Amino acid sequence: MNLKPLLDRVVVRRVGSETVTAGGIVIPDAAAEKAESGTVLAVGTGVRNTDGTFAGIDVQEGDQVLFGKTAGQTVKVNGEELLILREAEVLAVINS
């Protein structure tokens, strides 16, 4: 990937949302809600401390994370829709 997040930012690929209901009704993409979970693709270096060192980020590439509906900024990279979040916008890491 050619996208490297800066400081405490994280790049996330949303997990695909369900497009067919239990009753078999197909929901078009325009009406479907965006997923609130995804996979971390890249992480920044963390915020800079007062002594000039970087504080680490708690999430790692490959982690499954939860975030709020309005969190982050959506960007398109090579035709793929990705989300750039601050580490503080990540609500939880899903352990499997």
N, C-alpha and C. Protein backbone atom coordinates (compact mmCIF):
# COMPACT_ATOMS: atom_id res chain seq x y z
N MET A 1 0.85 -1.17 0.00
CA MET A 1 0.00 0.00 0.00
C MET A 1 0.90 1.24 0.00
N ASN A 2 0.49 2.26 -0.71
CA ASN A 2 1.26 3.49 -0.82
C ASN A 2 0.79 4.56 0.14
N LEU A 3 0.10 4.21 1.17
CA LEU A 3 -0.45 5.17 2.12
C LEU A 3 0.18 4.93 3.49
N LYS A 4 0.92 5.92 3.99
CA LYS A 4 1.55 5.79 5.31
C LYS A 4 0.97 6.86 6.22
N PRO A 5 0.25 6.45 7.27
CA PRO A 5 -0.34 7.42 8.18
C PRO A 5 0.73 8.11 9.03
N LEU A 6 0.46 9.34 9.40
CA LEU A 6 1.39 10.12 10.22
C LEU A 6 0.95 10.11 11.68
N LEU A 7 1.91 10.25 12.56
CA LEU A 7 1.71 10.37 14.01
C LEU A 7 0.78 9.31 14.55
N ASP A 8 -0.35 9.70 15.16
CA ASP A 8 -1.22 8.74 15.84
C ASP A 8 -2.39 8.29 14.96
N ARG A 9 -2.20 8.32 13.65
CA ARG A 9 -3.29 7.93 12.76
C ARG A 9 -3.15 6.47 12.34
N VAL A 10 -4.31 5.88 11.98
CA VAL A 10 -4.41 4.47 11.63
C VAL A 10 -5.22 4.36 10.35
N VAL A 11 -4.79 3.53 9.40
CA VAL A 11 -5.55 3.27 8.17
C VAL A 11 -6.30 1.96 8.35
N VAL A 12 -7.62 1.99 8.09
CA VAL A 12 -8.48 0.83 8.32
C VAL A 12 -9.28 0.52 7.06
N ARG A 13 -9.41 -0.77 6.74
CA ARG A 13 -10.32 -1.23 5.69
C ARG A 13 -11.56 -1.75 6.39
N ARG A 14 -12.70 -1.14 6.07
CA ARG A 14 -13.96 -1.57 6.69
C ARG A 14 -14.27 -3.02 6.32
N VAL A 15 -14.87 -3.73 7.26
CA VAL A 15 -15.35 -5.08 7.01
C VAL A 15 -16.64 -4.95 6.21
N GLY A 16 -16.82 -5.76 5.19
CA GLY A 16 -18.02 -5.69 4.36
C GLY A 16 -19.28 -5.89 5.18
N SER A 17 -20.27 -5.05 4.92
CA SER A 17 -21.54 -5.17 5.64
C SER A 17 -22.45 -6.15 4.90
N GLU A 18 -23.39 -6.70 5.60
CA GLU A 18 -24.32 -7.67 5.06
C GLU A 18 -25.23 -6.99 4.04
N THR A 19 -25.36 -7.56 2.85
CA THR A 19 -26.21 -6.95 1.82
C THR A 19 -27.51 -7.70 1.58
N VAL A 20 -27.70 -8.83 2.28
CA VAL A 20 -28.94 -9.59 2.16
C VAL A 20 -29.47 -9.82 3.57
N THR A 21 -30.75 -9.49 3.80
CA THR A 21 -31.34 -9.68 5.12
C THR A 21 -31.64 -11.16 5.34
N ALA A 22 -32.01 -11.50 6.58
CA ALA A 22 -32.34 -12.89 6.91
C ALA A 22 -33.53 -13.38 6.09
N GLY A 23 -34.43 -12.46 5.70
CA GLY A 23 -35.60 -12.82 4.90
C GLY A 23 -35.30 -12.89 3.41
N GLY A 24 -34.06 -12.61 3.01
CA GLY A 24 -33.68 -12.71 1.60
C GLY A 24 -33.79 -11.40 0.83
N ILE A 25 -34.05 -10.29 1.52
CA ILE A 25 -34.16 -9.00 0.84
C ILE A 25 -32.76 -8.43 0.63
N VAL A 26 -32.49 -8.04 -0.61
CA VAL A 26 -31.18 -7.47 -0.94
C VAL A 26 -31.21 -5.97 -0.66
N ILE A 27 -30.20 -5.50 0.09
CA ILE A 27 -30.10 -4.08 0.44
C ILE A 27 -29.08 -3.44 -0.49
N PRO A 28 -29.47 -2.41 -1.26
CA PRO A 28 -28.50 -1.76 -2.15
C PRO A 28 -27.43 -1.02 -1.34
N ASP A 29 -26.25 -0.84 -1.95
CA ASP A 29 -25.14 -0.17 -1.28
C ASP A 29 -25.50 1.22 -0.78
N ALA A 30 -26.33 1.93 -1.52
CA ALA A 30 -26.70 3.30 -1.13
C ALA A 30 -27.51 3.32 0.16
N ALA A 31 -28.26 2.28 0.44
CA ALA A 31 -29.11 2.24 1.62
C ALA A 31 -28.47 1.51 2.80
N ALA A 32 -27.41 0.77 2.54
CA ALA A 32 -26.78 -0.01 3.60
C ALA A 32 -25.97 0.88 4.52
N GLU A 33 -25.99 0.57 5.80
CA GLU A 33 -25.16 1.30 6.77
C GLU A 33 -23.72 0.85 6.64
N LYS A 34 -22.80 1.76 6.85
CA LYS A 34 -21.39 1.42 6.77
C LYS A 34 -20.99 0.64 8.02
N ALA A 35 -20.08 -0.29 7.82
CA ALA A 35 -19.62 -1.11 8.94
C ALA A 35 -18.87 -0.26 9.95
N GLU A 36 -18.97 -0.64 11.21
CA GLU A 36 -18.28 0.06 12.29
C GLU A 36 -17.10 -0.74 12.79
N SER A 37 -16.63 -1.67 11.98
CA SER A 37 -15.45 -2.44 12.33
C SER A 37 -14.61 -2.62 11.09
N GLY A 38 -13.35 -2.95 11.30
CA GLY A 38 -12.47 -3.12 10.16
C GLY A 38 -11.12 -3.68 10.57
N THR A 39 -10.26 -3.83 9.56
CA THR A 39 -8.92 -4.36 9.74
C THR A 39 -7.91 -3.24 9.58
N VAL A 40 -6.97 -3.16 10.51
CA VAL A 40 -5.93 -2.14 10.46
C VAL A 40 -4.92 -2.53 9.38
N LEU A 41 -4.69 -1.61 8.44
CA LEU A 41 -3.75 -1.85 7.35
C LEU A 41 -2.39 -1.22 7.61
N ALA A 42 -2.38 -0.06 8.28
CA ALA A 42 -1.12 0.64 8.55
C ALA A 42 -1.30 1.53 9.77
N VAL A 43 -0.22 1.75 10.50
CA VAL A 43 -0.24 2.62 11.68
C VAL A 43 0.89 3.63 11.59
N GLY A 44 0.68 4.79 12.20
CA GLY A 44 1.71 5.82 12.24
C GLY A 44 2.72 5.54 13.34
N THR A 45 3.60 6.49 13.58
CA THR A 45 4.66 6.32 14.57
C THR A 45 4.21 6.61 15.98
N GLY A 46 3.10 7.29 16.16
CA GLY A 46 2.62 7.68 17.48
C GLY A 46 2.86 9.15 17.72
N VAL A 47 2.34 9.67 18.82
CA VAL A 47 2.52 11.09 19.13
C VAL A 47 3.90 11.31 19.74
N ARG A 48 4.41 12.51 19.54
CA ARG A 48 5.75 12.84 20.05
C ARG A 48 5.64 13.32 21.49
N ASN A 49 6.45 12.75 22.37
CA ASN A 49 6.52 13.17 23.76
C ASN A 49 7.30 14.48 23.88
N THR A 50 7.28 15.07 25.06
CA THR A 50 8.00 16.33 25.27
C THR A 50 9.51 16.19 25.12
N ASP A 51 10.03 14.97 25.33
CA ASP A 51 11.48 14.76 25.18
C ASP A 51 11.87 14.40 23.74
N GLY A 52 10.90 14.40 22.82
CA GLY A 52 11.20 14.16 21.41
C GLY A 52 11.03 12.72 20.96
N THR A 53 10.83 11.79 21.89
CA THR A 53 10.61 10.39 21.52
C THR A 53 9.15 10.20 21.15
N PHE A 54 8.86 9.09 20.48
CA PHE A 54 7.49 8.79 20.08
C PHE A 54 6.86 7.80 21.04
N ALA A 55 5.63 8.09 21.46
CA ALA A 55 4.85 7.15 22.26
C ALA A 55 4.24 6.15 21.28
N GLY A 56 4.31 4.88 21.57
CA GLY A 56 3.80 3.85 20.67
C GLY A 56 2.28 3.88 20.54
N ILE A 57 1.79 3.18 19.53
CA ILE A 57 0.35 3.05 19.29
C ILE A 57 -0.08 1.67 19.76
N ASP A 58 -1.26 1.60 20.38
CA ASP A 58 -1.74 0.34 20.95
C ASP A 58 -2.26 -0.66 19.92
N VAL A 59 -2.60 -0.21 18.72
CA VAL A 59 -3.08 -1.13 17.69
C VAL A 59 -1.94 -1.45 16.73
N GLN A 60 -2.03 -2.62 16.09
CA GLN A 60 -1.01 -3.07 15.16
C GLN A 60 -1.66 -3.44 13.84
N GLU A 61 -0.86 -3.51 12.80
CA GLU A 61 -1.37 -3.95 11.51
C GLU A 61 -1.97 -5.34 11.65
N GLY A 62 -3.14 -5.54 11.04
CA GLY A 62 -3.82 -6.83 11.10
C GLY A 62 -4.87 -6.93 12.20
N ASP A 63 -4.87 -6.00 13.17
CA ASP A 63 -5.87 -6.02 14.25
C ASP A 63 -7.26 -5.74 13.70
N GLN A 64 -8.26 -6.40 14.28
CA GLN A 64 -9.67 -6.10 13.99
C GLN A 64 -10.11 -5.09 15.02
N VAL A 65 -10.65 -3.93 14.59
CA VAL A 65 -10.99 -2.86 15.52
C VAL A 65 -12.43 -2.40 15.33
N LEU A 66 -12.97 -1.79 16.39
CA LEU A 66 -14.28 -1.15 16.37
C LEU A 66 -14.09 0.35 16.45
N PHE A 67 -14.95 1.10 15.76
CA PHE A 67 -14.89 2.56 15.80
C PHE A 67 -16.29 3.11 15.63
N GLY A 68 -16.48 4.39 15.92
CA GLY A 68 -17.79 5.02 15.84
C GLY A 68 -18.25 5.24 14.41
N LYS A 69 -19.56 5.44 14.22
CA LYS A 69 -20.13 5.62 12.89
C LYS A 69 -19.57 6.84 12.17
N THR A 70 -19.31 7.91 12.90
CA THR A 70 -18.84 9.14 12.27
C THR A 70 -17.34 9.34 12.42
N ALA A 71 -16.62 8.33 12.84
CA ALA A 71 -15.19 8.46 13.10
C ALA A 71 -14.39 8.52 11.80
N GLY A 72 -13.30 9.26 11.83
CA GLY A 72 -12.33 9.24 10.75
C GLY A 72 -12.70 9.96 9.49
N GLN A 73 -11.82 9.83 8.52
CA GLN A 73 -11.97 10.44 7.20
C GLN A 73 -11.87 9.35 6.15
N THR A 74 -12.87 9.26 5.27
CA THR A 74 -12.86 8.26 4.21
C THR A 74 -12.05 8.78 3.04
N VAL A 75 -11.18 7.93 2.50
CA VAL A 75 -10.37 8.26 1.33
C VAL A 75 -10.41 7.09 0.35
N LYS A 76 -10.19 7.39 -0.93
CA LYS A 76 -10.10 6.34 -1.94
C LYS A 76 -8.66 6.23 -2.39
N VAL A 77 -8.12 5.02 -2.31
CA VAL A 77 -6.75 4.75 -2.74
C VAL A 77 -6.81 3.57 -3.71
N ASN A 78 -6.38 3.80 -4.94
CA ASN A 78 -6.42 2.76 -5.99
C ASN A 78 -7.82 2.16 -6.12
N GLY A 79 -8.86 2.99 -6.03
CA GLY A 79 -10.24 2.54 -6.19
C GLY A 79 -10.83 1.87 -4.96
N GLU A 80 -10.07 1.75 -3.89
CA GLU A 80 -10.55 1.11 -2.67
C GLU A 80 -10.85 2.17 -1.61
N GLU A 81 -11.99 2.06 -0.97
CA GLU A 81 -12.38 3.01 0.07
C GLU A 81 -11.76 2.60 1.40
N LEU A 82 -10.93 3.49 1.96
CA LEU A 82 -10.28 3.24 3.24
C LEU A 82 -10.67 4.33 4.22
N LEU A 83 -10.40 4.11 5.49
CA LEU A 83 -10.73 5.05 6.54
C LEU A 83 -9.45 5.40 7.30
N ILE A 84 -9.22 6.71 7.50
CA ILE A 84 -8.08 7.15 8.31
C ILE A 84 -8.62 7.68 9.63
N LEU A 85 -8.20 7.05 10.73
CA LEU A 85 -8.68 7.39 12.07
C LEU A 85 -7.51 7.86 12.93
N ARG A 86 -7.81 8.66 13.94
CA ARG A 86 -6.84 8.89 15.01
C ARG A 86 -6.94 7.70 15.95
N GLU A 87 -5.86 7.40 16.63
CA GLU A 87 -5.88 6.26 17.55
C GLU A 87 -6.99 6.41 18.59
N ALA A 88 -7.26 7.64 19.03
CA ALA A 88 -8.29 7.89 20.04
C ALA A 88 -9.70 7.54 19.53
N GLU A 89 -9.90 7.49 18.21
CA GLU A 89 -11.21 7.16 17.65
C GLU A 89 -11.46 5.67 17.60
N VAL A 90 -10.42 4.86 17.80
CA VAL A 90 -10.57 3.41 17.86
C VAL A 90 -11.13 3.07 19.23
N LEU A 91 -12.28 2.42 19.24
CA LEU A 91 -12.96 2.13 20.51
C LEU A 91 -12.44 0.86 21.17
N ALA A 92 -12.12 -0.16 20.36
CA ALA A 92 -11.69 -1.44 20.93
C ALA A 92 -11.01 -2.28 19.87
N VAL A 93 -10.19 -3.22 20.33
CA VAL A 93 -9.59 -4.23 19.47
C VAL A 93 -10.34 -5.54 19.73
N ILE A 94 -10.75 -6.19 18.64
CA ILE A 94 -11.49 -7.45 18.76
C ILE A 94 -10.49 -8.60 18.84
N ASN A 95 -10.52 -9.35 19.93
CA ASN A 95 -9.66 -10.52 20.08
C ASN A 95 -10.41 -11.74 19.62
N SER A 96 -9.78 -12.53 18.76
CA SER A 96 -10.47 -13.73 18.27
C SER A 96 -9.82 -14.99 18.77
